[in-house]
Amino acid sequence: MFRYLGRIILTAGLGLYLLSGCTHKPVPEIKGPITAVPFTEVTLTDSFWAPRLKLNHDVTIPIAIHQSEITGRIKNFEVAGHLTKGTFSSIYPFDDSDVYKIIEGASYS
């Protein structure tokens, strides 16, 4: 009985402690119309996102392209376009979507 009561008191105390830090902050009023900005006109120079984008550009995308070459996903396009004789490198018909995703990521980068 006391063990069950202790858990209830501990849970209630923890809940009150967590709720005591909550405050209501009003949403700031937006003045004027909001206009979309094309992503080609945005440059990130901060210390959080800029290094991550550079790492993606310098490391992640080249590795993804290399892996697509190793697994034959790039060669599949050559076979499909009759530039190279051979068979597809995979039994999965959706392997080309990985290459498309890499191209999309590179174009945004």
PDB file of N, CA and C in Angstrom:
ATOM      1  N   MET A   1       0.826  -1.193   0.000  1.00  0.00           N
ATOM      2  CA  MET A   1       0.000   0.000   0.000  1.00  0.00           C
ATOM      3  C   MET A   1       0.869   1.254   0.000  1.00  0.00           C
ATOM      4  N   PHE A   2       1.885   1.265   0.878  1.00  0.00           N
ATOM      5  CA  PHE A   2       2.725   2.455   0.976  1.00  0.00           C
ATOM      6  C   PHE A   2       3.578   2.631  -0.279  1.00  0.00           C
ATOM      7  N   ARG A   3       3.996   1.515  -0.863  1.00  0.00           N
ATOM      8  CA  ARG A   3       4.793   1.591  -2.089  1.00  0.00           C
ATOM      9  C   ARG A   3       3.957   2.208  -3.213  1.00  0.00           C
ATOM     10  N   TYR A   4       2.696   1.808  -3.337  1.00  0.00           N
ATOM     11  CA  TYR A   4       1.795   2.350  -4.361  1.00  0.00           C
ATOM     12  C   TYR A   4       1.545   3.830  -4.121  1.00  0.00           C
ATOM     13  N   LEU A   5       1.327   4.218  -2.882  1.00  0.00           N
ATOM     14  CA  LEU A   5       1.092   5.625  -2.520  1.00  0.00           C
ATOM     15  C   LEU A   5       2.350   6.451  -2.798  1.00  0.00           C
ATOM     16  N   GLY A   6       3.514   5.886  -2.546  1.00  0.00           N
ATOM     17  CA  GLY A   6       4.765   6.591  -2.821  1.00  0.00           C
ATOM     18  C   GLY A   6       4.949   6.868  -4.307  1.00  0.00           C
ATOM     19  N   ARG A   7       4.562   5.908  -5.144  1.00  0.00           N
ATOM     20  CA  ARG A   7       4.657   6.113  -6.591  1.00  0.00           C
ATOM     21  C   ARG A   7       3.720   7.214  -7.066  1.00  0.00           C
ATOM     22  N   ILE A   8       2.528   7.249  -6.493  1.00  0.00           N
ATOM     23  CA  ILE A   8       1.561   8.288  -6.860  1.00  0.00           C
ATOM     24  C   ILE A   8       2.106   9.663  -6.475  1.00  0.00           C
ATOM     25  N   ILE A   9       2.638   9.775  -5.270  1.00  0.00           N
ATOM     26  CA  ILE A   9       3.173  11.055  -4.804  1.00  0.00           C
ATOM     27  C   ILE A   9       4.377  11.471  -5.654  1.00  0.00           C
ATOM     28  N   LEU A  10       5.251  10.533  -5.955  1.00  0.00           N
ATOM     29  CA  LEU A  10       6.425  10.828  -6.778  1.00  0.00           C
ATOM     30  C   LEU A  10       6.015  11.268  -8.182  1.00  0.00           C
ATOM     31  N   THR A  11       5.053  10.563  -8.792  1.00  0.00           N
ATOM     32  CA  THR A  11       4.585  10.918 -10.127  1.00  0.00           C
ATOM     33  C   THR A  11       3.914  12.282 -10.128  1.00  0.00           C
ATOM     34  N   ALA A  12       3.085  12.547  -9.136  1.00  0.00           N
ATOM     35  CA  ALA A  12       2.409  13.844  -9.050  1.00  0.00           C
ATOM     36  C   ALA A  12       3.430  14.961  -8.823  1.00  0.00           C
ATOM     37  N   GLY A  13       4.406  14.725  -7.976  1.00  0.00           N
ATOM     38  CA  GLY A  13       5.439  15.732  -7.728  1.00  0.00           C
ATOM     39  C   GLY A  13       6.265  16.016  -8.968  1.00  0.00           C
ATOM     40  N   LEU A  14       6.622  14.965  -9.691  1.00  0.00           N
ATOM     41  CA  LEU A  14       7.384  15.142 -10.918  1.00  0.00           C
ATOM     42  C   LEU A  14       6.559  15.893 -11.956  1.00  0.00           C
ATOM     43  N   GLY A  15       5.288  15.569 -12.055  1.00  0.00           N
ATOM     44  CA  GLY A  15       4.403  16.261 -12.995  1.00  0.00           C
ATOM     45  C   GLY A  15       4.279  17.739 -12.667  1.00  0.00           C
ATOM     46  N   LEU A  16       4.101  18.062 -11.391  1.00  0.00           N
ATOM     47  CA  LEU A  16       4.014  19.470 -10.979  1.00  0.00           C
ATOM     48  C   LEU A  16       5.325  20.200 -11.232  1.00  0.00           C
ATOM     49  N   TYR A  17       6.439  19.524 -11.002  1.00  0.00           N
ATOM     50  CA  TYR A  17       7.744  20.131 -11.248  1.00  0.00           C
ATOM     51  C   TYR A  17       7.912  20.465 -12.736  1.00  0.00           C
ATOM     52  N   LEU A  18       7.547  19.522 -13.597  1.00  0.00           N
ATOM     53  CA  LEU A  18       7.679  19.754 -15.031  1.00  0.00           C
ATOM     54  C   LEU A  18       6.742  20.852 -15.518  1.00  0.00           C
ATOM     55  N   LEU A  19       5.523  20.883 -14.979  1.00  0.00           N
ATOM     56  CA  LEU A  19       4.573  21.911 -15.390  1.00  0.00           C
ATOM     57  C   LEU A  19       4.928  23.292 -14.857  1.00  0.00           C
ATOM     58  N   SER A  20       5.693  23.361 -13.776  1.00  0.00           N
ATOM     59  CA  SER A  20       6.029  24.671 -13.214  1.00  0.00           C
ATOM     60  C   SER A  20       6.923  25.474 -14.141  1.00  0.00           C
ATOM     61  N   GLY A  21       7.638  24.806 -15.051  1.00  0.00           N
ATOM     62  CA  GLY A  21       8.503  25.514 -15.996  1.00  0.00           C
ATOM     63  C   GLY A  21       7.772  25.981 -17.240  1.00  0.00           C
ATOM     64  N   CYS A  22       6.508  25.579 -17.395  1.00  0.00           N
ATOM     65  CA  CYS A  22       5.755  25.970 -18.583  1.00  0.00           C
ATOM     66  C   CYS A  22       5.198  27.369 -18.424  1.00  0.00           C
ATOM     67  N   THR A  23       5.394  28.161 -19.434  1.00  0.00           N
ATOM     68  CA  THR A  23       4.811  29.505 -19.440  1.00  0.00           C
ATOM     69  C   THR A  23       4.146  29.720 -20.784  1.00  0.00           C
ATOM     70  N   HIS A  24       3.176  30.557 -20.792  1.00  0.00           N
ATOM     71  CA  HIS A  24       2.479  30.878 -22.036  1.00  0.00           C
ATOM     72  C   HIS A  24       3.138  32.103 -22.642  1.00  0.00           C
ATOM     73  N   LYS A  25       3.647  31.928 -23.841  1.00  0.00           N
ATOM     74  CA  LYS A  25       4.235  33.059 -24.556  1.00  0.00           C
ATOM     75  C   LYS A  25       3.317  33.387 -25.722  1.00  0.00           C
ATOM     76  N   PRO A  26       2.888  34.627 -25.829  1.00  0.00           N
ATOM     77  CA  PRO A  26       1.998  34.977 -26.933  1.00  0.00           C
ATOM     78  C   PRO A  26       2.728  34.910 -28.276  1.00  0.00           C
ATOM     79  N   VAL A  27       1.995  34.538 -29.302  1.00  0.00           N
ATOM     80  CA  VAL A  27       2.542  34.478 -30.644  1.00  0.00           C
ATOM     81  C   VAL A  27       2.704  35.911 -31.152  1.00  0.00           C
ATOM     82  N   PRO A  28       3.890  36.262 -31.674  1.00  0.00           N
ATOM     83  CA  PRO A  28       4.062  37.634 -32.144  1.00  0.00           C
ATOM     84  C   PRO A  28       3.167  37.922 -33.342  1.00  0.00           C
ATOM     85  N   GLU A  29       2.690  39.135 -33.400  1.00  0.00           N
ATOM     86  CA  GLU A  29       1.817  39.546 -34.491  1.00  0.00           C
ATOM     87  C   GLU A  29       2.654  39.779 -35.743  1.00  0.00           C
ATOM     88  N   ILE A  30       2.179  39.256 -36.854  1.00  0.00           N
ATOM     89  CA  ILE A  30       2.872  39.438 -38.132  1.00  0.00           C
ATOM     90  C   ILE A  30       2.329  40.697 -38.775  1.00  0.00           C
ATOM     91  N   LYS A  31       3.225  41.608 -39.087  1.00  0.00           N
ATOM     92  CA  LYS A  31       2.810  42.865 -39.698  1.00  0.00           C
ATOM     93  C   LYS A  31       3.148  42.841 -41.171  1.00  0.00           C
ATOM     94  N   GLY A  32       2.179  43.032 -41.995  1.00  0.00           N
ATOM     95  CA  GLY A  32       2.400  43.050 -43.434  1.00  0.00           C
ATOM     96  C   GLY A  32       2.255  41.678 -44.037  1.00  0.00           C
ATOM     97  N   PRO A  33       2.216  41.627 -45.355  1.00  0.00           N
ATOM     98  CA  PRO A  33       2.059  40.338 -46.033  1.00  0.00           C
ATOM     99  C   PRO A  33       3.351  39.521 -45.989  1.00  0.00           C
ATOM    100  N   ILE A  34       3.183  38.216 -46.003  1.00  0.00           N
ATOM    101  CA  ILE A  34       4.325  37.306 -46.053  1.00  0.00           C
ATOM    102  C   ILE A  34       4.574  36.976 -47.521  1.00  0.00           C
ATOM    103  N   THR A  35       5.802  37.137 -47.946  1.00  0.00           N
ATOM    104  CA  THR A  35       6.158  36.882 -49.337  1.00  0.00           C
ATOM    105  C   THR A  35       7.149  35.735 -49.404  1.00  0.00           C
ATOM    106  N   ALA A  36       6.876  34.795 -50.270  1.00  0.00           N
ATOM    107  CA  ALA A  36       7.785  33.664 -50.450  1.00  0.00           C
ATOM    108  C   ALA A  36       9.073  34.139 -51.121  1.00  0.00           C
ATOM    109  N   VAL A  37      10.178  33.509 -50.720  1.00  0.00           N
ATOM    110  CA  VAL A  37      11.478  33.824 -51.298  1.00  0.00           C
ATOM    111  C   VAL A  37      11.967  32.578 -52.032  1.00  0.00           C
ATOM    112  N   PRO A  38      12.381  32.697 -53.278  1.00  0.00           N
ATOM    113  CA  PRO A  38      12.910  31.529 -53.980  1.00  0.00           C
ATOM    114  C   PRO A  38      14.156  31.008 -53.275  1.00  0.00           C
ATOM    115  N   PHE A  39      14.293  29.687 -53.203  1.00  0.00           N
ATOM    116  CA  PHE A  39      15.432  29.126 -52.476  1.00  0.00           C
ATOM    117  C   PHE A  39      16.758  29.480 -53.131  1.00  0.00           C
ATOM    118  N   THR A  40      16.736  29.858 -54.398  1.00  0.00           N
ATOM    119  CA  THR A  40      17.977  30.256 -55.071  1.00  0.00           C
ATOM    120  C   THR A  40      18.482  31.612 -54.589  1.00  0.00           C
ATOM    121  N   GLU A  41      17.637  32.345 -53.884  1.00  0.00           N
ATOM    122  CA  GLU A  41      18.037  33.654 -53.357  1.00  0.00           C
ATOM    123  C   GLU A  41      18.401  33.590 -51.872  1.00  0.00           C
ATOM    124  N   VAL A  42      18.490  32.390 -51.335  1.00  0.00           N
ATOM    125  CA  VAL A  42      18.797  32.214 -49.916  1.00  0.00           C
ATOM    126  C   VAL A  42      20.232  31.715 -49.772  1.00  0.00           C
ATOM    127  N   THR A  43      20.985  32.370 -48.894  1.00  0.00           N
ATOM    128  CA  THR A  43      22.343  31.945 -48.581  1.00  0.00           C
ATOM    129  C   THR A  43      22.441  31.779 -47.069  1.00  0.00           C
ATOM    130  N   LEU A  44      22.876  30.615 -46.643  1.00  0.00           N
ATOM    131  CA  LEU A  44      23.040  30.362 -45.218  1.00  0.00           C
ATOM    132  C   LEU A  44      24.499  30.584 -44.843  1.00  0.00           C
ATOM    133  N   THR A  45      24.715  31.442 -43.857  1.00  0.00           N
ATOM    134  CA  THR A  45      26.074  31.752 -43.411  1.00  0.00           C
ATOM    135  C   THR A  45      26.229  31.544 -41.910  1.00  0.00           C
ATOM    136  N   ASP A  46      25.241  30.928 -41.286  1.00  0.00           N
ATOM    137  CA  ASP A  46      25.277  30.751 -39.839  1.00  0.00           C
ATOM    138  C   ASP A  46      26.245  29.626 -39.456  1.00  0.00           C
ATOM    139  N   SER A  47      26.422  29.454 -38.163  1.00  0.00           N
ATOM    140  CA  SER A  47      27.356  28.435 -37.677  1.00  0.00           C
ATOM    141  C   SER A  47      26.692  27.072 -37.479  1.00  0.00           C
ATOM    142  N   PHE A  48      25.390  26.968 -37.715  1.00  0.00           N
ATOM    143  CA  PHE A  48      24.711  25.682 -37.546  1.00  0.00           C
ATOM    144  C   PHE A  48      24.459  25.004 -38.898  1.00  0.00           C
ATOM    145  N   TRP A  49      23.691  25.650 -39.791  1.00  0.00           N
ATOM    146  CA  TRP A  49      23.311  25.007 -41.046  1.00  0.00           C
ATOM    147  C   TRP A  49      24.396  25.060 -42.112  1.00  0.00           C
ATOM    148  N   ALA A  50      25.134  26.140 -42.206  1.00  0.00           N
ATOM    149  CA  ALA A  50      26.144  26.276 -43.268  1.00  0.00           C
ATOM    150  C   ALA A  50      27.173  25.139 -43.249  1.00  0.00           C
ATOM    151  N   PRO A  51      27.750  24.767 -42.081  1.00  0.00           N
ATOM    152  CA  PRO A  51      28.697  23.648 -42.087  1.00  0.00           C
ATOM    153  C   PRO A  51      28.055  22.318 -42.488  1.00  0.00           C
ATOM    154  N   ARG A  52      26.804  22.130 -42.132  1.00  0.00           N
ATOM    155  CA  ARG A  52      26.122  20.885 -42.484  1.00  0.00           C
ATOM    156  C   ARG A  52      25.872  20.810 -43.995  1.00  0.00           C
ATOM    157  N   LEU A  53      25.504  21.939 -44.587  1.00  0.00           N
ATOM    158  CA  LEU A  53      25.314  21.957 -46.031  1.00  0.00           C
ATOM    159  C   LEU A  53      26.631  21.727 -46.759  1.00  0.00           C
ATOM    160  N   LYS A  54      27.714  22.306 -46.248  1.00  0.00           N
ATOM    161  CA  LYS A  54      29.029  22.108 -46.859  1.00  0.00           C
ATOM    162  C   LYS A  54      29.446  20.639 -46.755  1.00  0.00           C
ATOM    163  N   LEU A  55      29.222  20.019 -45.602  1.00  0.00           N
ATOM    164  CA  LEU A  55      29.541  18.606 -45.420  1.00  0.00           C
ATOM    165  C   LEU A  55      28.722  17.736 -46.381  1.00  0.00           C
ATOM    166  N   ASN A  56      27.454  18.061 -46.530  1.00  0.00           N
ATOM    167  CA  ASN A  56      26.601  17.333 -47.462  1.00  0.00           C
ATOM    168  C   ASN A  56      27.138  17.455 -48.886  1.00  0.00           C
ATOM    169  N   HIS A  57      27.530  18.665 -49.263  1.00  0.00           N
ATOM    170  CA  HIS A  57      28.048  18.926 -50.612  1.00  0.00           C
ATOM    171  C   HIS A  57      29.394  18.244 -50.840  1.00  0.00           C
ATOM    172  N   ASP A  58      30.275  18.324 -49.860  1.00  0.00           N
ATOM    173  CA  ASP A  58      31.648  17.835 -50.022  1.00  0.00           C
ATOM    174  C   ASP A  58      31.810  16.335 -49.773  1.00  0.00           C
ATOM    175  N   VAL A  59      30.966  15.748 -48.915  1.00  0.00           N
ATOM    176  CA  VAL A  59      31.184  14.361 -48.503  1.00  0.00           C
ATOM    177  C   VAL A  59      30.001  13.449 -48.853  1.00  0.00           C
ATOM    178  N   THR A  60      28.818  13.806 -48.390  1.00  0.00           N
ATOM    179  CA  THR A  60      27.678  12.891 -48.501  1.00  0.00           C
ATOM    180  C   THR A  60      27.286  12.619 -49.949  1.00  0.00           C
ATOM    181  N   ILE A  61      27.156  13.657 -50.757  1.00  0.00           N
ATOM    182  CA  ILE A  61      26.723  13.471 -52.144  1.00  0.00           C
ATOM    183  C   ILE A  61      27.749  12.663 -52.943  1.00  0.00           C
ATOM    184  N   PRO A  62      29.062  12.976 -52.861  1.00  0.00           N
ATOM    185  CA  PRO A  62      30.026  12.135 -53.586  1.00  0.00           C
ATOM    186  C   PRO A  62      30.013  10.664 -53.143  1.00  0.00           C
ATOM    187  N   ILE A  63      29.828  10.420 -51.848  1.00  0.00           N
ATOM    188  CA  ILE A  63      29.751   9.032 -51.374  1.00  0.00           C
ATOM    189  C   ILE A  63      28.521   8.343 -51.945  1.00  0.00           C
ATOM    190  N   ALA A  64      27.394   9.042 -51.973  1.00  0.00           N
ATOM    191  CA  ALA A  64      26.161   8.459 -52.506  1.00  0.00           C
ATOM    192  C   ALA A  64      26.314   8.132 -53.996  1.00  0.00           C
ATOM    193  N   ILE A  65      26.959   9.034 -54.748  1.00  0.00           N
ATOM    194  CA  ILE A  65      27.190   8.772 -56.171  1.00  0.00           C
ATOM    195  C   ILE A  65      28.116   7.566 -56.339  1.00  0.00           C
ATOM    196  N   HIS A  66      29.164   7.519 -55.546  1.00  0.00           N
ATOM    197  CA  HIS A  66      30.106   6.395 -55.619  1.00  0.00           C
ATOM    198  C   HIS A  66      29.408   5.066 -55.302  1.00  0.00           C
ATOM    199  N   GLN A  67      28.577   5.058 -54.288  1.00  0.00           N
ATOM    200  CA  GLN A  67      27.846   3.835 -53.935  1.00  0.00           C
ATOM    201  C   GLN A  67      26.901   3.421 -55.060  1.00  0.00           C
ATOM    202  N   SER A  68      26.309   4.389 -55.743  1.00  0.00           N
ATOM    203  CA  SER A  68      25.429   4.061 -56.867  1.00  0.00           C
ATOM    204  C   SER A  68      26.222   3.479 -58.028  1.00  0.00           C
ATOM    205  N   GLU A  69      27.455   3.935 -58.186  1.00  0.00           N
ATOM    206  CA  GLU A  69      28.309   3.351 -59.225  1.00  0.00           C
ATOM    207  C   GLU A  69      28.717   1.924 -58.862  1.00  0.00           C
ATOM    208  N   ILE A  70      29.079   1.716 -57.589  1.00  0.00           N
ATOM    209  CA  ILE A  70      29.500   0.386 -57.135  1.00  0.00           C
ATOM    210  C   ILE A  70      28.374  -0.632 -57.286  1.00  0.00           C
ATOM    211  N   THR A  71      27.165  -0.233 -56.936  1.00  0.00           N
ATOM    212  CA  THR A  71      26.035  -1.166 -56.958  1.00  0.00           C
ATOM    213  C   THR A  71      25.419  -1.323 -58.342  1.00  0.00           C
ATOM    214  N   GLY A  72      25.905  -0.548 -59.323  1.00  0.00           N
ATOM    215  CA  GLY A  72      25.415  -0.684 -60.687  1.00  0.00           C
ATOM    216  C   GLY A  72      24.199   0.148 -61.019  1.00  0.00           C
ATOM    217  N   ARG A  73      23.763   0.997 -60.110  1.00  0.00           N
ATOM    218  CA  ARG A  73      22.574   1.806 -60.368  1.00  0.00           C
ATOM    219  C   ARG A  73      22.815   2.797 -61.511  1.00  0.00           C
ATOM    220  N   ILE A  74      24.027   3.347 -61.601  1.00  0.00           N
ATOM    221  CA  ILE A  74      24.349   4.266 -62.695  1.00  0.00           C
ATOM    222  C   ILE A  74      24.425   3.485 -64.011  1.00  0.00           C
ATOM    223  N   LYS A  75      25.016   2.307 -63.980  1.00  0.00           N
ATOM    224  CA  LYS A  75      25.139   1.491 -65.189  1.00  0.00           C
ATOM    225  C   LYS A  75      23.768   1.087 -65.723  1.00  0.00           C
ATOM    226  N   ASN A  76      22.793   0.940 -64.837  1.00  0.00           N
ATOM    227  CA  ASN A  76      21.439   0.607 -65.272  1.00  0.00           C
ATOM    228  C   ASN A  76      20.908   1.622 -66.285  1.00  0.00           C
ATOM    229  N   PHE A  77      21.264   2.891 -66.103  1.00  0.00           N
ATOM    230  CA  PHE A  77      20.821   3.919 -67.040  1.00  0.00           C
ATOM    231  C   PHE A  77      21.479   3.720 -68.411  1.00  0.00           C
ATOM    232  N   GLU A  78      22.738   3.324 -68.402  1.00  0.00           N
ATOM    233  CA  GLU A  78      23.441   3.067 -69.660  1.00  0.00           C
ATOM    234  C   GLU A  78      22.825   1.869 -70.380  1.00  0.00           C
ATOM    235  N   VAL A  79      22.466   0.837 -69.634  1.00  0.00           N
ATOM    236  CA  VAL A  79      21.829  -0.343 -70.226  1.00  0.00           C
ATOM    237  C   VAL A  79      20.444   0.035 -70.754  1.00  0.00           C
ATOM    238  N   ALA A  80      19.692   0.793 -69.984  1.00  0.00           N
ATOM    239  CA  ALA A  80      18.342   1.187 -70.405  1.00  0.00           C
ATOM    240  C   ALA A  80      18.390   2.074 -71.645  1.00  0.00           C
ATOM    241  N   GLY A  81      19.420   2.908 -71.763  1.00  0.00           N
ATOM    242  CA  GLY A  81      19.553   3.789 -72.920  1.00  0.00           C
ATOM    243  C   GLY A  81      20.274   3.147 -74.092  1.00  0.00           C
ATOM    244  N   HIS A  82      20.558   1.864 -73.992  1.00  0.00           N
ATOM    245  CA  HIS A  82      21.240   1.092 -75.038  1.00  0.00           C
ATOM    246  C   HIS A  82      22.627   1.664 -75.349  1.00  0.00           C
ATOM    247  N   LEU A  83      23.266   2.266 -74.348  1.00  0.00           N
ATOM    248  CA  LEU A  83      24.636   2.744 -74.508  1.00  0.00           C
ATOM    249  C   LEU A  83      25.638   1.657 -74.159  1.00  0.00           C
ATOM    250  N   THR A  84      25.189   0.696 -73.366  1.00  0.00           N
ATOM    251  CA  THR A  84      26.019  -0.428 -72.944  1.00  0.00           C
ATOM    252  C   THR A  84      25.188  -1.695 -73.040  1.00  0.00           C
ATOM    253  N   LYS A  85      25.815  -2.761 -73.481  1.00  0.00           N
ATOM    254  CA  LYS A  85      25.116  -4.052 -73.498  1.00  0.00           C
ATOM    255  C   LYS A  85      25.241  -4.674 -72.120  1.00  0.00           C
ATOM    256  N   GLY A  86      24.243  -5.376 -71.723  1.00  0.00           N
ATOM    257  CA  GLY A  86      24.274  -6.035 -70.433  1.00  0.00           C
ATOM    258  C   GLY A  86      22.883  -6.153 -69.851  1.00  0.00           C
ATOM    259  N   THR A  87      22.833  -6.595 -68.630  1.00  0.00           N
ATOM    260  CA  THR A  87      21.564  -6.729 -67.921  1.00  0.00           C
ATOM    261  C   THR A  87      21.553  -5.762 -66.755  1.00  0.00           C
ATOM    262  N   PHE A  88      20.373  -5.527 -66.236  1.00  0.00           N
ATOM    263  CA  PHE A  88      20.250  -4.636 -65.090  1.00  0.00           C
ATOM    264  C   PHE A  88      20.938  -5.249 -63.881  1.00  0.00           C
ATOM    265  N   SER A  89      21.491  -4.409 -63.060  1.00  0.00           N
ATOM    266  CA  SER A  89      22.305  -4.853 -61.920  1.00  0.00           C
ATOM    267  C   SER A  89      21.475  -5.282 -60.722  1.00  0.00           C
ATOM    268  N   SER A  90      20.180  -5.157 -60.800  1.00  0.00           N
ATOM    269  CA  SER A  90      19.343  -5.491 -59.654  1.00  0.00           C
ATOM    270  C   SER A  90      18.017  -6.062 -60.148  1.00  0.00           C
ATOM    271  N   ILE A  91      17.374  -6.793 -59.274  1.00  0.00           N
ATOM    272  CA  ILE A  91      16.048  -7.318 -59.609  1.00  0.00           C
ATOM    273  C   ILE A  91      14.953  -6.298 -59.305  1.00  0.00           C
ATOM    274  N   TYR A  92      15.329  -5.221 -58.617  1.00  0.00           N
ATOM    275  CA  TYR A  92      14.342  -4.225 -58.187  1.00  0.00           C
ATOM    276  C   TYR A  92      14.159  -3.159 -59.261  1.00  0.00           C
ATOM    277  N   PRO A  93      12.936  -2.947 -59.723  1.00  0.00           N
ATOM    278  CA  PRO A  93      12.709  -1.952 -60.782  1.00  0.00           C
ATOM    279  C   PRO A  93      12.793  -0.509 -60.276  1.00  0.00           C
ATOM    280  N   PHE A  94      12.833  -0.320 -58.969  1.00  0.00           N
ATOM    281  CA  PHE A  94      12.832   1.032 -58.409  1.00  0.00           C
ATOM    282  C   PHE A  94      14.233   1.497 -58.012  1.00  0.00           C
ATOM    283  N   ASP A  95      15.272   0.787 -58.413  1.00  0.00           N
ATOM    284  CA  ASP A  95      16.635   1.186 -58.070  1.00  0.00           C
ATOM    285  C   ASP A  95      17.008   2.559 -58.622  1.00  0.00           C
ATOM    286  N   ASP A  96      16.390   2.948 -59.732  1.00  0.00           N
ATOM    287  CA  ASP A  96      16.722   4.250 -60.303  1.00  0.00           C
ATOM    288  C   ASP A  96      16.278   5.406 -59.415  1.00  0.00           C
ATOM    289  N   SER A  97      15.320   5.170 -58.527  1.00  0.00           N
ATOM    290  CA  SER A  97      14.854   6.263 -57.665  1.00  0.00           C
ATOM    291  C   SER A  97      15.957   6.751 -56.731  1.00  0.00           C
ATOM    292  N   ASP A  98      16.881   5.868 -56.346  1.00  0.00           N
ATOM    293  CA  ASP A  98      17.995   6.301 -55.507  1.00  0.00           C
ATOM    294  C   ASP A  98      18.865   7.314 -56.242  1.00  0.00           C
ATOM    295  N   VAL A  99      19.113   7.064 -57.515  1.00  0.00           N
ATOM    296  CA  VAL A  99      19.918   7.995 -58.309  1.00  0.00           C
ATOM    297  C   VAL A  99      19.182   9.322 -58.451  1.00  0.00           C
ATOM    298  N   TYR A 100      17.881   9.267 -58.675  1.00  0.00           N
ATOM    299  CA  TYR A 100      17.100  10.500 -58.778  1.00  0.00           C
ATOM    300  C   TYR A 100      17.155  11.304 -57.479  1.00  0.00           C
ATOM    301  N   LYS A 101      17.110  10.622 -56.357  1.00  0.00           N
ATOM    302  CA  LYS A 101      17.178  11.313 -55.060  1.00  0.00           C
ATOM    303  C   LYS A 101      18.541  11.980 -54.868  1.00  0.00           C
ATOM    304  N   ILE A 102      19.597  11.302 -55.317  1.00  0.00           N
ATOM    305  CA  ILE A 102      20.939  11.884 -55.204  1.00  0.00           C
ATOM    306  C   ILE A 102      21.040  13.128 -56.084  1.00  0.00           C
ATOM    307  N   ILE A 103      20.507  13.045 -57.298  1.00  0.00           N
ATOM    308  CA  ILE A 103      20.528  14.198 -58.201  1.00  0.00           C
ATOM    309  C   ILE A 103      19.725  15.354 -57.598  1.00  0.00           C
ATOM    310  N   GLU A 104      18.590  15.043 -57.007  1.00  0.00           N
ATOM    311  CA  GLU A 104      17.776  16.090 -56.374  1.00  0.00           C
ATOM    312  C   GLU A 104      18.532  16.743 -55.225  1.00  0.00           C
ATOM    313  N   GLY A 105      19.151  15.919 -54.380  1.00  0.00           N
ATOM    314  CA  GLY A 105      19.924  16.464 -53.268  1.00  0.00           C
ATOM    315  C   GLY A 105      21.097  17.308 -53.732  1.00  0.00           C
ATOM    316  N   ALA A 106      21.763  16.860 -54.792  1.00  0.00           N
ATOM    317  CA  ALA A 106      22.889  17.624 -55.335  1.00  0.00           C
ATOM    318  C   ALA A 106      22.412  18.942 -55.916  1.00  0.00           C
ATOM    319  N   SER A 107      21.267  18.943 -56.578  1.00  0.00           N
ATOM    320  CA  SER A 107      20.781  20.188 -57.173  1.00  0.00           C
ATOM    321  C   SER A 107      20.372  21.194 -56.095  1.00  0.00           C
ATOM    322  N   TYR A 108      19.815  20.730 -54.995  1.00  0.00           N
ATOM    323  CA  TYR A 108      19.493  21.644 -53.896  1.00  0.00           C
ATOM    324  C   TYR A 108      20.759  22.112 -53.182  1.00  0.00           C
ATOM    325  N   SER A 109      21.769  21.273 -53.185  1.00  0.00           N
ATOM    326  CA  SER A 109      23.015  21.636 -52.501  1.00  0.00           C
ATOM    327  C   SER A 109      23.726  22.740 -53.241  1.00  0.00           C
TER     328      SER A 109
END
